[in-house]
Structures are given as structure tokens and as C-alpha cells.
Amino acid sequence: AAINWIGKTTYYTDSVKGRFTISRDNAKNTVY
């Protein structure tokens, strides 16, 4: 999975779509 710097654009490999979610909190310098 990948996410852009704003957090509005995401990509997932087909095998994890619908099961995995990528997100980020720039204020906490953390990606989940």
C-alpha cells in the first residue's frame, strides 16, 4: 500500500484491497 503526502490518494495491491487500510498522521509523524 502507499499514500501521498496529503493523505488523499492511496494505492493497494489487489490481494489486500478491502482488508487493509493505509493512513497517516503528519502531526505525529506516523503512518499506519
Full PDB file with SEQRES, HELIX, SHEET, SSBOND, CRYST1, ORIGX, SCALE, CONECT and MASTER records, all heavy atoms in Angstrom:
SEQRES   1 A   32  ALA ALA ILE ASN TRP ILE GLY LYS THR THR TYR TYR THR          
SEQRES   2 A   32  ASP SER VAL LYS GLY ARG PHE THR ILE SER ARG ASP ASN          
SEQRES   3 A   32  ALA LYS ASN THR VAL TYR                                      
HELIX    1 AA1 ASP A   14  VAL A   16  5                                   3    
HELIX    2 AA2 ASN A   26  LYS A   28  5                                   3    
SHEET    1 AA1 2 ALA A   2  ILE A   3  0                                        
SHEET    2 AA1 2 THR A  10  TYR A  11 -1                                        
SHEET    1 AA2 2 ARG A  24  ASP A  25  0                                        
SHEET    2 AA2 2 THR A  30  VAL A  31 -1                                        
CRYST1    1.000    1.000    1.000  90.00  90.00  90.00 P 1           1          
ORIGX1      1.000000  0.000000  0.000000        0.00000                         
ORIGX2      0.000000  1.000000  0.000000        0.00000                         
ORIGX3      0.000000  0.000000  1.000000        0.00000                         
SCALE1      1.000000  0.000000  0.000000        0.00000                         
SCALE2      0.000000  1.000000  0.000000        0.00000                         
SCALE3      0.000000  0.000000  1.000000        0.00000                         
ATOM      1  N   ALA A   1       0.840  -1.192   0.000  1.00  0.00           N  
ATOM      2  CA  ALA A   1       0.000   0.000   0.000  1.00  0.00           C  
ATOM      3  C   ALA A   1       0.871   1.236   0.000  1.00  0.00           C  
ATOM      4  O   ALA A   1       2.023   1.206   0.422  1.00  0.00           O  
ATOM      5  CB  ALA A   1      -0.930   0.011   1.215  1.00  0.00           C  
ATOM      6  N   ALA A   2       0.307   2.351  -0.464  1.00  0.00           N  
ATOM      7  CA  ALA A   2       1.023   3.620  -0.468  1.00  0.00           C  
ATOM      8  C   ALA A   2       0.038   4.758  -0.274  1.00  0.00           C  
ATOM      9  O   ALA A   2      -1.154   4.631  -0.588  1.00  0.00           O  
ATOM     10  CB  ALA A   2       1.802   3.813  -1.770  1.00  0.00           C  
ATOM     11  N   ILE A   3       0.546   5.891   0.215  1.00  0.00           N  
ATOM     12  CA  ILE A   3      -0.281   7.059   0.471  1.00  0.00           C  
ATOM     13  C   ILE A   3       0.538   8.308   0.174  1.00  0.00           C  
ATOM     14  O   ILE A   3       1.724   8.366   0.474  1.00  0.00           O  
ATOM     15  CB  ILE A   3      -0.804   7.056   1.929  1.00  0.00           C  
ATOM     16  CG1 ILE A   3      -1.824   8.168   2.154  1.00  0.00           C  
ATOM     17  CG2 ILE A   3       0.349   7.148   2.920  1.00  0.00           C  
ATOM     18  CD1 ILE A   3      -2.586   8.005   3.472  1.00  0.00           C  
ATOM     19  N   ASN A   4      -0.096   9.304  -0.433  1.00  0.00           N  
ATOM     20  CA  ASN A   4       0.633  10.524  -0.758  1.00  0.00           C  
ATOM     21  C   ASN A   4       0.782  11.413   0.471  1.00  0.00           C  
ATOM     22  O   ASN A   4       0.251  11.116   1.540  1.00  0.00           O  
ATOM     23  CB  ASN A   4      -0.030  11.258  -1.925  1.00  0.00           C  
ATOM     24  CG  ASN A   4      -1.323  11.974  -1.541  1.00  0.00           C  
ATOM     25  OD1 ASN A   4      -1.944  11.676  -0.532  1.00  0.00           O  
ATOM     26  ND2 ASN A   4      -1.726  12.923  -2.372  1.00  0.00           N  
ATOM     27  N   TRP A   5       1.495  12.531   0.321  1.00  0.00           N  
ATOM     28  CA  TRP A   5       1.839  13.343   1.486  1.00  0.00           C  
ATOM     29  C   TRP A   5       0.634  14.011   2.125  1.00  0.00           C  
ATOM     30  O   TRP A   5       0.653  14.302   3.324  1.00  0.00           O  
ATOM     31  CB  TRP A   5       2.893  14.386   1.114  1.00  0.00           C  
ATOM     32  CG  TRP A   5       2.412  15.491   0.212  1.00  0.00           C  
ATOM     33  CD1 TRP A   5       2.352  15.471  -1.154  1.00  0.00           C  
ATOM     34  CD2 TRP A   5       1.947  16.778   0.620  1.00  0.00           C  
ATOM     35  NE1 TRP A   5       1.877  16.671  -1.623  1.00  0.00           N  
ATOM     36  CE2 TRP A   5       1.623  17.484  -0.562  1.00  0.00           C  
ATOM     37  CE3 TRP A   5       1.773  17.401   1.855  1.00  0.00           C  
ATOM     38  CZ2 TRP A   5       1.125  18.795  -0.528  1.00  0.00           C  
ATOM     39  CZ3 TRP A   5       1.277  18.701   1.890  1.00  0.00           C  
ATOM     40  CH2 TRP A   5       0.964  19.377   0.708  1.00  0.00           C  
ATOM     41  N   ILE A   6      -0.413  14.264   1.350  1.00  0.00           N  
ATOM     42  CA  ILE A   6      -1.627  14.859   1.895  1.00  0.00           C  
ATOM     43  C   ILE A   6      -2.486  13.805   2.593  1.00  0.00           C  
ATOM     44  O   ILE A   6      -3.195  14.108   3.554  1.00  0.00           O  
ATOM     45  CB  ILE A   6      -2.444  15.548   0.783  1.00  0.00           C  
ATOM     46  CG1 ILE A   6      -1.620  16.650   0.112  1.00  0.00           C  
ATOM     47  CG2 ILE A   6      -3.732  16.131   1.342  1.00  0.00           C  
ATOM     48  CD1 ILE A   6      -2.312  17.291  -1.072  1.00  0.00           C  
ATOM     49  N   GLY A   7      -2.412  12.574   2.108  1.00  0.00           N  
ATOM     50  CA  GLY A   7      -3.222  11.506   2.649  1.00  0.00           C  
ATOM     51  C   GLY A   7      -4.518  11.299   1.902  1.00  0.00           C  
ATOM     52  O   GLY A   7      -5.375  10.533   2.351  1.00  0.00           O  
ATOM     53  N   LYS A   8      -4.673  11.946   0.757  1.00  0.00           N  
ATOM     54  CA  LYS A   8      -5.912  11.855  -0.011  1.00  0.00           C  
ATOM     55  C   LYS A   8      -5.857  10.817  -1.122  1.00  0.00           C  
ATOM     56  O   LYS A   8      -6.903  10.452  -1.658  1.00  0.00           O  
ATOM     57  CB  LYS A   8      -6.252  13.221  -0.618  1.00  0.00           C  
ATOM     58  CG  LYS A   8      -6.493  14.313   0.407  1.00  0.00           C  
ATOM     59  CD  LYS A   8      -7.705  14.022   1.253  1.00  0.00           C  
ATOM     60  CE  LYS A   8      -8.013  15.175   2.197  1.00  0.00           C  
ATOM     61  NZ  LYS A   8      -9.195  14.889   3.048  1.00  0.00           N  
ATOM     62  N   THR A   9      -4.668  10.376  -1.477  1.00  0.00           N  
ATOM     63  CA  THR A   9      -4.508   9.393  -2.542  1.00  0.00           C  
ATOM     64  C   THR A   9      -3.858   8.141  -1.984  1.00  0.00           C  
ATOM     65  O   THR A   9      -2.812   8.226  -1.341  1.00  0.00           O  
ATOM     66  CB  THR A   9      -3.655   9.949  -3.691  1.00  0.00           C  
ATOM     67  OG1 THR A   9      -4.269  11.132  -4.212  1.00  0.00           O  
ATOM     68  CG2 THR A   9      -3.521   8.926  -4.809  1.00  0.00           C  
ATOM     69  N   THR A  10      -4.471   6.998  -2.224  1.00  0.00           N  
ATOM     70  CA  THR A  10      -3.933   5.729  -1.743  1.00  0.00           C  
ATOM     71  C   THR A  10      -3.942   4.687  -2.849  1.00  0.00           C  
ATOM     72  O   THR A  10      -4.756   4.752  -3.777  1.00  0.00           O  
ATOM     73  CB  THR A  10      -4.730   5.190  -0.550  1.00  0.00           C  
ATOM     74  OG1 THR A  10      -6.100   5.023  -0.929  1.00  0.00           O  
ATOM     75  CG2 THR A  10      -4.653   6.146   0.629  1.00  0.00           C  
ATOM     76  N   TYR A  11      -3.048   3.727  -2.740  1.00  0.00           N  
ATOM     77  CA  TYR A  11      -2.972   2.597  -3.655  1.00  0.00           C  
ATOM     78  C   TYR A  11      -2.783   1.333  -2.846  1.00  0.00           C  
ATOM     79  O   TYR A  11      -2.117   1.335  -1.813  1.00  0.00           O  
ATOM     80  CB  TYR A  11      -1.818   2.755  -4.645  1.00  0.00           C  
ATOM     81  CG  TYR A  11      -1.966   3.907  -5.602  1.00  0.00           C  
ATOM     82  CD1 TYR A  11      -1.338   5.123  -5.359  1.00  0.00           C  
ATOM     83  CD2 TYR A  11      -2.729   3.774  -6.760  1.00  0.00           C  
ATOM     84  CE1 TYR A  11      -1.476   6.180  -6.232  1.00  0.00           C  
ATOM     85  CE2 TYR A  11      -2.869   4.832  -7.636  1.00  0.00           C  
ATOM     86  CZ  TYR A  11      -2.241   6.034  -7.370  1.00  0.00           C  
ATOM     87  OH  TYR A  11      -2.378   7.084  -8.249  1.00  0.00           O  
ATOM     88  N   TYR A  12      -3.355   0.242  -3.333  1.00  0.00           N  
ATOM     89  CA  TYR A  12      -3.242  -1.051  -2.685  1.00  0.00           C  
ATOM     90  C   TYR A  12      -3.002  -2.139  -3.720  1.00  0.00           C  
ATOM     91  O   TYR A  12      -3.522  -2.068  -4.834  1.00  0.00           O  
ATOM     92  CB  TYR A  12      -4.516  -1.410  -1.914  1.00  0.00           C  
ATOM     93  CG  TYR A  12      -4.877  -0.445  -0.821  1.00  0.00           C  
ATOM     94  CD1 TYR A  12      -5.716   0.635  -1.069  1.00  0.00           C  
ATOM     95  CD2 TYR A  12      -4.390  -0.625   0.469  1.00  0.00           C  
ATOM     96  CE1 TYR A  12      -6.051   1.521  -0.058  1.00  0.00           C  
ATOM     97  CE2 TYR A  12      -4.724   0.255   1.480  1.00  0.00           C  
ATOM     98  CZ  TYR A  12      -5.553   1.327   1.215  1.00  0.00           C  
ATOM     99  OH  TYR A  12      -5.887   2.196   2.222  1.00  0.00           O  
ATOM    100  N   THR A  13      -2.245  -3.130  -3.329  1.00  0.00           N  
ATOM    101  CA  THR A  13      -2.147  -4.306  -4.174  1.00  0.00           C  
ATOM    102  C   THR A  13      -3.476  -5.052  -4.106  1.00  0.00           C  
ATOM    103  O   THR A  13      -4.184  -4.998  -3.098  1.00  0.00           O  
ATOM    104  CB  THR A  13      -0.973  -5.204  -3.737  1.00  0.00           C  
ATOM    105  OG1 THR A  13      -0.742  -6.208  -4.728  1.00  0.00           O  
ATOM    106  CG2 THR A  13      -1.257  -5.873  -2.409  1.00  0.00           C  
ATOM    107  N   ASP A  14      -3.837  -5.726  -5.183  1.00  0.00           N  
ATOM    108  CA  ASP A  14      -5.161  -6.330  -5.282  1.00  0.00           C  
ATOM    109  C   ASP A  14      -5.470  -7.300  -4.145  1.00  0.00           C  
ATOM    110  O   ASP A  14      -6.613  -7.390  -3.688  1.00  0.00           O  
ATOM    111  CB  ASP A  14      -5.316  -7.052  -6.622  1.00  0.00           C  
ATOM    112  CG  ASP A  14      -5.461  -6.105  -7.791  1.00  0.00           C  
ATOM    113  OD1 ASP A  14      -5.764  -4.911  -7.565  1.00  0.00           O  
ATOM    114  OD2 ASP A  14      -5.277  -6.555  -8.939  1.00  0.00           O  
ATOM    115  N   SER A  15      -4.477  -8.018  -3.677  1.00  0.00           N  
ATOM    116  CA  SER A  15      -4.712  -9.050  -2.682  1.00  0.00           C  
ATOM    117  C   SER A  15      -5.124  -8.512  -1.315  1.00  0.00           C  
ATOM    118  O   SER A  15      -5.625  -9.272  -0.484  1.00  0.00           O  
ATOM    119  CB  SER A  15      -3.473  -9.935  -2.532  1.00  0.00           C  
ATOM    120  OG  SER A  15      -2.372  -9.191  -2.046  1.00  0.00           O  
ATOM    121  N   VAL A  16      -4.933  -7.210  -1.063  1.00  0.00           N  
ATOM    122  CA  VAL A  16      -5.283  -6.649   0.244  1.00  0.00           C  
ATOM    123  C   VAL A  16      -6.416  -5.639   0.171  1.00  0.00           C  
ATOM    124  O   VAL A  16      -6.862  -5.148   1.217  1.00  0.00           O  
ATOM    125  CB  VAL A  16      -4.060  -6.001   0.930  1.00  0.00           C  
ATOM    126  CG1 VAL A  16      -2.897  -6.980   0.978  1.00  0.00           C  
ATOM    127  CG2 VAL A  16      -3.663  -4.708   0.233  1.00  0.00           C  
ATOM    128  N   LYS A  17      -6.903  -5.325  -1.014  1.00  0.00           N  
ATOM    129  CA  LYS A  17      -7.984  -4.353  -1.153  1.00  0.00           C  
ATOM    130  C   LYS A  17      -9.218  -4.810  -0.385  1.00  0.00           C  
ATOM    131  O   LYS A  17      -9.626  -5.960  -0.462  1.00  0.00           O  
ATOM    132  CB  LYS A  17      -8.328  -4.142  -2.623  1.00  0.00           C  
ATOM    133  CG  LYS A  17      -7.297  -3.353  -3.394  1.00  0.00           C  
ATOM    134  CD  LYS A  17      -7.714  -3.163  -4.847  1.00  0.00           C  
ATOM    135  CE  LYS A  17      -6.687  -2.336  -5.605  1.00  0.00           C  
ATOM    136  NZ  LYS A  17      -7.045  -2.181  -7.038  1.00  0.00           N  
ATOM    137  N   GLY A  18      -9.794  -3.886   0.369  1.00  0.00           N  
ATOM    138  CA  GLY A  18     -10.956  -4.200   1.172  1.00  0.00           C  
ATOM    139  C   GLY A  18     -10.624  -4.755   2.535  1.00  0.00           C  
ATOM    140  O   GLY A  18     -11.515  -4.866   3.385  1.00  0.00           O  
ATOM    141  N   ARG A  19      -9.358  -5.111   2.772  1.00  0.00           N  
ATOM    142  CA  ARG A  19      -8.947  -5.662   4.058  1.00  0.00           C  
ATOM    143  C   ARG A  19      -7.952  -4.766   4.787  1.00  0.00           C  
ATOM    144  O   ARG A  19      -7.994  -4.660   6.010  1.00  0.00           O  
ATOM    145  CB  ARG A  19      -8.323  -7.047   3.878  1.00  0.00           C  
ATOM    146  CG  ARG A  19      -9.261  -8.069   3.253  1.00  0.00           C  
ATOM    147  CD  ARG A  19      -8.664  -9.474   3.295  1.00  0.00           C  
ATOM    148  NE  ARG A  19      -7.423  -9.566   2.539  1.00  0.00           N  
ATOM    149  CZ  ARG A  19      -6.240  -9.890   3.059  1.00  0.00           C  
ATOM    150  NH1 ARG A  19      -6.129 -10.153   4.359  1.00  0.00           N  
ATOM    151  NH2 ARG A  19      -5.165  -9.961   2.286  1.00  0.00           N  
ATOM    152  N   PHE A  20      -7.046  -4.136   4.039  1.00  0.00           N  
ATOM    153  CA  PHE A  20      -6.012  -3.289   4.622  1.00  0.00           C  
ATOM    154  C   PHE A  20      -6.326  -1.826   4.345  1.00  0.00           C  
ATOM    155  O   PHE A  20      -6.867  -1.482   3.283  1.00  0.00           O  
ATOM    156  CB  PHE A  20      -4.639  -3.600   4.025  1.00  0.00           C  
ATOM    157  CG  PHE A  20      -4.066  -4.938   4.401  1.00  0.00           C  
ATOM    158  CD1 PHE A  20      -4.816  -5.900   5.056  1.00  0.00           C  
ATOM    159  CD2 PHE A  20      -2.747  -5.219   4.086  1.00  0.00           C  
ATOM    160  CE1 PHE A  20      -4.278  -7.133   5.394  1.00  0.00           C  
ATOM    161  CE2 PHE A  20      -2.191  -6.446   4.420  1.00  0.00           C  
ATOM    162  CZ  PHE A  20      -2.953  -7.404   5.065  1.00  0.00           C  
ATOM    163  N   THR A  21      -5.949  -0.954   5.277  1.00  0.00           N  
ATOM    164  CA  THR A  21      -6.122   0.479   5.109  1.00  0.00           C  
ATOM    165  C   THR A  21      -4.854   1.202   5.543  1.00  0.00           C  
ATOM    166  O   THR A  21      -4.396   1.027   6.671  1.00  0.00           O  
ATOM    167  CB  THR A  21      -7.308   1.006   5.928  1.00  0.00           C  
ATOM    168  OG1 THR A  21      -8.506   0.323   5.542  1.00  0.00           O  
ATOM    169  CG2 THR A  21      -7.492   2.506   5.684  1.00  0.00           C  
ATOM    170  N   ILE A  22      -4.300   2.004   4.651  1.00  0.00           N  
ATOM    171  CA  ILE A  22      -3.144   2.815   4.985  1.00  0.00           C  
ATOM    172  C   ILE A  22      -3.620   4.218   5.344  1.00  0.00           C  
ATOM    173  O   ILE A  22      -4.542   4.747   4.728  1.00  0.00           O  
ATOM    174  CB  ILE A  22      -2.125   2.856   3.821  1.00  0.00           C  
ATOM    175  CG1 ILE A  22      -0.842   3.568   4.252  1.00  0.00           C  
ATOM    176  CG2 ILE A  22      -2.721   3.495   2.574  1.00  0.00           C  
ATOM    177  CD1 ILE A  22       0.284   3.477   3.224  1.00  0.00           C  
ATOM    178  N   SER A  23      -3.004   4.815   6.343  1.00  0.00           N  
ATOM    179  CA  SER A  23      -3.346   6.165   6.752  1.00  0.00           C  
ATOM    180  C   SER A  23      -2.109   6.830   7.338  1.00  0.00           C  
ATOM    181  O   SER A  23      -1.113   6.169   7.610  1.00  0.00           O  
ATOM    182  CB  SER A  23      -4.494   6.167   7.767  1.00  0.00           C  
ATOM    183  OG  SER A  23      -4.132   5.473   8.950  1.00  0.00           O  
ATOM    184  N   ARG A  24      -2.176   8.133   7.519  1.00  0.00           N  
ATOM    185  CA  ARG A  24      -1.045   8.839   8.100  1.00  0.00           C  
ATOM    186  C   ARG A  24      -1.521   9.984   8.970  1.00  0.00           C  
ATOM    187  O   ARG A  24      -2.588  10.558   8.739  1.00  0.00           O  
ATOM    188  CB  ARG A  24      -0.097   9.349   7.010  1.00  0.00           C  
ATOM    189  CG  ARG A  24      -0.661  10.461   6.136  1.00  0.00           C  
ATOM    190  CD  ARG A  24       0.247  10.725   4.933  1.00  0.00           C  
ATOM    191  NE  ARG A  24       1.572  11.176   5.339  1.00  0.00           N  
ATOM    192  CZ  ARG A  24       2.631  11.190   4.533  1.00  0.00           C  
ATOM    193  NH1 ARG A  24       2.522  10.747   3.285  1.00  0.00           N  
ATOM    194  NH2 ARG A  24       3.805  11.626   4.981  1.00  0.00           N  
ATOM    195  N   ASP A  25      -0.725  10.305   9.962  1.00  0.00           N  
ATOM    196  CA  ASP A  25      -0.962  11.437  10.835  1.00  0.00           C  
ATOM    197  C   ASP A  25       0.316  12.249  10.829  1.00  0.00           C  
ATOM    198  O   ASP A  25       1.267  11.937  11.546  1.00  0.00           O  
ATOM    199  CB  ASP A  25      -1.323  10.976  12.246  1.00  0.00           C  
ATOM    200  CG  ASP A  25      -1.724  12.122  13.155  1.00  0.00           C  
ATOM    201  OD1 ASP A  25      -1.366  13.282  12.864  1.00  0.00           O  
ATOM    202  OD2 ASP A  25      -2.397  11.860  14.170  1.00  0.00           O  
ATOM    203  N   ASN A  26       0.353  13.273  10.000  1.00  0.00           N  
ATOM    204  CA  ASN A  26       1.573  14.051   9.845  1.00  0.00           C  
ATOM    205  C   ASN A  26       1.961  14.788  11.125  1.00  0.00           C  
ATOM    206  O   ASN A  26       3.144  15.014  11.375  1.00  0.00           O  
ATOM    207  CB  ASN A  26       1.424  15.045   8.692  1.00  0.00           C  
ATOM    208  CG  ASN A  26       1.423  14.364   7.340  1.00  0.00           C  
ATOM    209  OD1 ASN A  26       1.844  13.214   7.205  1.00  0.00           O  
ATOM    210  ND2 ASN A  26       0.947  15.074   6.315  1.00  0.00           N  
ATOM    211  N   ALA A  27       0.976  15.162  11.933  1.00  0.00           N  
ATOM    212  CA  ALA A  27       1.265  15.835  13.192  1.00  0.00           C  
ATOM    213  C   ALA A  27       2.029  14.923  14.137  1.00  0.00           C  
ATOM    214  O   ALA A  27       2.794  15.393  14.981  1.00  0.00           O  
ATOM    215  CB  ALA A  27      -0.019  16.325  13.848  1.00  0.00           C  
ATOM    216  N   LYS A  28       1.823  13.610  14.017  1.00  0.00           N  
ATOM    217  CA  LYS A  28       2.505  12.638  14.861  1.00  0.00           C  
ATOM    218  C   LYS A  28       3.658  11.952  14.144  1.00  0.00           C  
ATOM    219  O   LYS A  28       4.283  11.055  14.710  1.00  0.00           O  
ATOM    220  CB  LYS A  28       1.521  11.585  15.364  1.00  0.00           C  
ATOM    221  CG  LYS A  28       0.435  12.135  16.271  1.00  0.00           C  
ATOM    222  CD  LYS A  28      -0.482  11.027  16.771  1.00  0.00           C  
ATOM    223  CE  LYS A  28      -1.535  11.567  17.719  1.00  0.00           C  
ATOM    224  NZ  LYS A  28      -2.437  10.493  18.212  1.00  0.00           N  
ATOM    225  N   ASN A  29       3.924  12.343  12.905  1.00  0.00           N  
ATOM    226  CA  ASN A  29       4.990  11.732  12.107  1.00  0.00           C  
ATOM    227  C   ASN A  29       4.849  10.211  12.057  1.00  0.00           C  
ATOM    228  O   ASN A  29       5.826   9.473  12.217  1.00  0.00           O  
ATOM    229  CB  ASN A  29       6.367  12.108  12.661  1.00  0.00           C  
ATOM    230  CG  ASN A  29       6.690  13.574  12.480  1.00  0.00           C  
ATOM    231  OD1 ASN A  29       6.104  14.263  11.649  1.00  0.00           O  
ATOM    232  ND2 ASN A  29       7.647  14.052  13.265  1.00  0.00           N  
ATOM    233  N   THR A  30       3.635   9.750  11.833  1.00  0.00           N  
ATOM    234  CA  THR A  30       3.354   8.322  11.892  1.00  0.00           C  
ATOM    235  C   THR A  30       2.472   7.880  10.730  1.00  0.00           C  
ATOM    236  O   THR A  30       1.532   8.583  10.361  1.00  0.00           O  
ATOM    237  CB  THR A  30       2.669   7.951  13.213  1.00  0.00           C  
ATOM    238  OG1 THR A  30       3.506   8.358  14.308  1.00  0.00           O  
ATOM    239  CG2 THR A  30       2.444   6.450  13.308  1.00  0.00           C  
ATOM    240  N   VAL A  31       2.794   6.717  10.180  1.00  0.00           N  
ATOM    241  CA  VAL A  31       1.996   6.074   9.147  1.00  0.00           C  
ATOM    242  C   VAL A  31       1.489   4.753   9.705  1.00  0.00           C  
ATOM    243  O   VAL A  31       2.207   4.068  10.440  1.00  0.00           O  
ATOM    244  CB  VAL A  31       2.820   5.839   7.869  1.00  0.00           C  
ATOM    245  CG1 VAL A  31       1.993   5.105   6.826  1.00  0.00           C  
ATOM    246  CG2 VAL A  31       3.317   7.164   7.320  1.00  0.00           C  
ATOM    247  N   TYR A  32       0.261   4.387   9.351  1.00  0.00           N  
ATOM    248  CA  TYR A  32      -0.360   3.188   9.883  1.00  0.00           C  
ATOM    249  C   TYR A  32      -0.782   2.251   8.763  1.00  0.00           C  
ATOM    250  O   TYR A  32      -1.061   2.672   7.640  1.00  0.00           O  
ATOM    251  CB  TYR A  32      -1.603   3.532  10.707  1.00  0.00           C  
ATOM    252  CG  TYR A  32      -1.358   4.528  11.801  1.00  0.00           C  
ATOM    253  CD1 TYR A  32      -1.613   5.884  11.612  1.00  0.00           C  
ATOM    254  CD2 TYR A  32      -0.873   4.119  13.039  1.00  0.00           C  
ATOM    255  CE1 TYR A  32      -1.391   6.802  12.619  1.00  0.00           C  
ATOM    256  CE2 TYR A  32      -0.649   5.027  14.051  1.00  0.00           C  
ATOM    257  CZ  TYR A  32      -0.907   6.361  13.843  1.00  0.00           C  
ATOM    258  OH  TYR A  32      -0.685   7.272  14.850  1.00  0.00           O  
TER     259      TYR A  32                                                      
MASTER        0    0    0    2    4    0    0    6  258    1    0    3          
END                                                                             
